[in-house]
N, C-alpha and C. Protein backbone atom coordinates (compact mmCIF):
# COMPACT_ATOMS: atom_id res chain seq x y z
N MET A 1 99.63 52.80 123.15
CA MET A 1 100.97 52.34 122.81
C MET A 1 101.20 52.50 121.31
N GLU A 2 102.33 53.12 120.97
CA GLU A 2 102.64 53.34 119.56
C GLU A 2 103.20 52.09 118.90
N THR A 3 103.07 52.05 117.59
CA THR A 3 103.60 50.95 116.80
C THR A 3 105.11 51.09 116.64
N LYS A 4 105.80 49.98 116.61
CA LYS A 4 107.25 49.98 116.36
C LYS A 4 107.49 50.62 115.00
N ALA A 5 108.58 51.37 114.89
CA ALA A 5 108.94 52.04 113.64
C ALA A 5 110.39 51.73 113.29
N TYR A 6 110.74 52.00 112.05
CA TYR A 6 112.07 51.68 111.55
C TYR A 6 112.67 52.86 110.81
N MET A 7 113.97 53.03 110.97
CA MET A 7 114.75 53.93 110.14
C MET A 7 115.44 53.01 109.14
N TYR A 8 115.45 53.40 107.87
CA TYR A 8 116.05 52.54 106.85
C TYR A 8 116.92 53.35 105.90
N VAL A 9 117.87 52.67 105.28
CA VAL A 9 118.76 53.29 104.30
C VAL A 9 118.68 52.47 103.02
N LEU A 10 118.43 53.16 101.92
CA LEU A 10 118.37 52.53 100.60
C LEU A 10 119.57 52.96 99.77
N GLU A 11 120.01 52.07 98.90
CA GLU A 11 120.99 52.44 97.88
C GLU A 11 120.25 52.55 96.56
N CYS A 12 120.37 53.70 95.93
CA CYS A 12 119.70 53.94 94.65
C CYS A 12 120.56 53.42 93.51
N ALA A 13 119.95 53.31 92.33
CA ALA A 13 120.65 52.78 91.15
C ALA A 13 121.89 53.58 90.79
N ASP A 14 121.91 54.87 91.12
CA ASP A 14 123.07 55.71 90.81
C ASP A 14 124.13 55.68 91.91
N GLY A 15 123.92 54.84 92.94
CA GLY A 15 124.89 54.71 94.02
C GLY A 15 124.66 55.65 95.19
N SER A 16 123.71 56.56 95.06
CA SER A 16 123.41 57.49 96.16
C SER A 16 122.58 56.78 97.23
N LEU A 17 122.53 57.38 98.41
CA LEU A 17 121.77 56.81 99.52
C LEU A 17 120.53 57.63 99.81
N TYR A 18 119.50 56.96 100.26
CA TYR A 18 118.25 57.60 100.68
C TYR A 18 117.89 57.04 102.04
N THR A 19 117.53 57.91 102.97
CA THR A 19 117.16 57.49 104.32
C THR A 19 115.72 57.88 104.59
N GLY A 20 114.98 56.99 105.24
CA GLY A 20 113.60 57.28 105.60
C GLY A 20 113.19 56.53 106.84
N TYR A 21 111.92 56.66 107.20
CA TYR A 21 111.37 55.91 108.33
C TYR A 21 110.00 55.39 107.94
N THR A 22 109.60 54.29 108.56
CA THR A 22 108.33 53.65 108.25
C THR A 22 107.96 52.67 109.35
N THR A 23 106.74 52.17 109.31
CA THR A 23 106.33 51.11 110.24
C THR A 23 106.38 49.75 109.56
N ASP A 24 106.60 49.72 108.23
CA ASP A 24 106.65 48.46 107.48
C ASP A 24 107.71 48.58 106.38
N VAL A 25 108.90 48.12 106.66
CA VAL A 25 110.03 48.28 105.73
C VAL A 25 109.78 47.56 104.41
N GLU A 26 109.30 46.34 104.45
CA GLU A 26 109.08 45.57 103.22
C GLU A 26 108.07 46.28 102.31
N LYS A 27 106.98 46.74 102.88
CA LYS A 27 105.95 47.44 102.10
C LYS A 27 106.50 48.75 101.53
N ARG A 28 107.27 49.47 102.33
CA ARG A 28 107.83 50.74 101.88
C ARG A 28 108.83 50.53 100.75
N LEU A 29 109.64 49.49 100.84
CA LEU A 29 110.61 49.19 99.78
C LEU A 29 109.88 48.89 98.47
N LYS A 30 108.80 48.13 98.54
CA LYS A 30 108.01 47.83 97.35
C LYS A 30 107.41 49.11 96.77
N THR A 31 106.95 50.01 97.64
CA THR A 31 106.39 51.29 97.19
C THR A 31 107.44 52.10 96.45
N HIS A 32 108.64 52.18 97.03
CA HIS A 32 109.73 52.91 96.37
C HIS A 32 110.00 52.31 95.00
N ASN A 33 110.16 51.00 94.91
CA ASN A 33 110.51 50.36 93.64
C ASN A 33 109.38 50.36 92.62
N ALA A 34 108.16 50.62 93.07
CA ALA A 34 107.03 50.75 92.15
C ALA A 34 106.93 52.17 91.59
N GLY A 35 107.86 53.04 92.01
CA GLY A 35 107.85 54.42 91.53
C GLY A 35 106.85 55.29 92.25
N LYS A 36 106.37 54.84 93.41
CA LYS A 36 105.36 55.59 94.16
C LYS A 36 105.90 56.09 95.50
N GLY A 37 107.22 56.01 95.67
CA GLY A 37 107.83 56.47 96.92
C GLY A 37 108.23 57.93 96.80
N ALA A 38 109.29 58.28 97.47
CA ALA A 38 109.79 59.65 97.48
C ALA A 38 110.22 60.09 96.08
N LYS A 39 110.07 61.37 95.81
CA LYS A 39 110.47 61.92 94.51
C LYS A 39 111.94 61.60 94.22
N TYR A 40 112.77 61.66 95.24
CA TYR A 40 114.20 61.38 95.08
C TYR A 40 114.44 59.98 94.54
N THR A 41 113.78 58.99 95.11
CA THR A 41 114.01 57.60 94.68
C THR A 41 113.34 57.30 93.34
N ARG A 42 112.24 57.98 93.03
CA ARG A 42 111.55 57.73 91.75
C ARG A 42 112.47 57.97 90.57
N ALA A 43 113.40 58.90 90.71
CA ALA A 43 114.33 59.23 89.62
C ALA A 43 115.58 58.36 89.64
N ARG A 44 115.68 57.43 90.61
CA ARG A 44 116.90 56.65 90.78
C ARG A 44 116.62 55.17 91.01
N LEU A 45 115.66 54.63 90.30
CA LEU A 45 115.26 53.22 90.47
C LEU A 45 116.17 52.29 89.69
N PRO A 46 116.29 51.04 90.14
CA PRO A 46 115.68 50.48 91.36
C PRO A 46 116.51 50.83 92.60
N VAL A 47 115.90 50.63 93.76
CA VAL A 47 116.60 50.84 95.02
C VAL A 47 116.68 49.51 95.76
N LYS A 48 117.70 49.39 96.62
CA LYS A 48 117.81 48.18 97.44
C LYS A 48 118.06 48.59 98.88
N LEU A 49 117.56 47.77 99.78
CA LEU A 49 117.69 48.03 101.21
C LEU A 49 119.11 47.70 101.67
N LEU A 50 119.78 48.68 102.26
CA LEU A 50 121.12 48.47 102.80
C LEU A 50 121.10 48.23 104.30
N TYR A 51 120.17 48.91 105.00
CA TYR A 51 120.19 48.88 106.47
C TYR A 51 118.82 49.23 107.01
N GLN A 52 118.47 48.62 108.12
CA GLN A 52 117.26 49.01 108.85
C GLN A 52 117.52 48.83 110.33
N GLU A 53 116.89 49.69 111.12
CA GLU A 53 117.03 49.62 112.58
C GLU A 53 115.67 49.90 113.19
N SER A 54 115.28 49.10 114.17
CA SER A 54 113.96 49.27 114.78
C SER A 54 114.01 50.21 115.98
N TYR A 55 112.89 50.89 116.19
CA TYR A 55 112.72 51.83 117.30
C TYR A 55 111.36 51.60 117.92
N PRO A 56 111.19 51.99 119.18
CA PRO A 56 109.93 51.72 119.86
C PRO A 56 108.74 52.53 119.35
N ASP A 57 109.03 53.64 118.64
CA ASP A 57 107.94 54.49 118.16
C ASP A 57 108.41 55.36 116.99
N LYS A 58 107.45 56.02 116.34
CA LYS A 58 107.74 56.84 115.17
C LYS A 58 108.66 58.02 115.49
N PRO A 59 108.43 58.76 116.58
CA PRO A 59 109.34 59.89 116.87
C PRO A 59 110.80 59.46 117.03
N SER A 60 111.03 58.30 117.62
CA SER A 60 112.40 57.80 117.78
C SER A 60 113.02 57.47 116.42
N ALA A 61 112.25 56.87 115.53
CA ALA A 61 112.74 56.55 114.19
C ALA A 61 113.01 57.83 113.40
N MET A 62 112.15 58.82 113.56
CA MET A 62 112.34 60.11 112.89
C MET A 62 113.62 60.79 113.37
N SER A 63 113.88 60.72 114.66
CA SER A 63 115.10 61.31 115.23
C SER A 63 116.34 60.61 114.69
N ALA A 64 116.28 59.29 114.58
CA ALA A 64 117.41 58.52 114.05
C ALA A 64 117.66 58.89 112.59
N GLU A 65 116.58 59.06 111.83
CA GLU A 65 116.71 59.45 110.42
C GLU A 65 117.39 60.82 110.33
N ALA A 66 116.95 61.77 111.13
CA ALA A 66 117.53 63.11 111.11
C ALA A 66 119.01 63.09 111.49
N LEU A 67 119.36 62.30 112.49
CA LEU A 67 120.75 62.19 112.91
C LEU A 67 121.61 61.57 111.81
N PHE A 68 121.09 60.53 111.15
CA PHE A 68 121.83 59.89 110.06
C PHE A 68 122.08 60.89 108.93
N LYS A 69 121.05 61.65 108.57
CA LYS A 69 121.19 62.63 107.49
C LYS A 69 122.19 63.72 107.87
N LYS A 70 122.18 64.12 109.13
CA LYS A 70 123.09 65.16 109.60
C LYS A 70 124.55 64.69 109.53
N LYS A 71 124.78 63.42 109.82
CA LYS A 71 126.14 62.88 109.83
C LYS A 71 126.61 62.42 108.45
N SER A 72 125.71 62.33 107.50
CA SER A 72 126.06 61.84 106.15
C SER A 72 126.58 62.96 105.27
């Protein structure tokens, strides 16, 4: 059985949005704000969590992330 996963949306300091997926949103947010997350967010700190949605597994969260990016 796979671990529950999340798709999340961050607002960067410059007002732009960043979307990702993880199994631990709180830990991932701390990683981003410590400057150890995605290259995109490292240049736009600090970031804040705008939205998160849970999924039954990582592939489902990845699909949701891709769909969000496609529609944005």
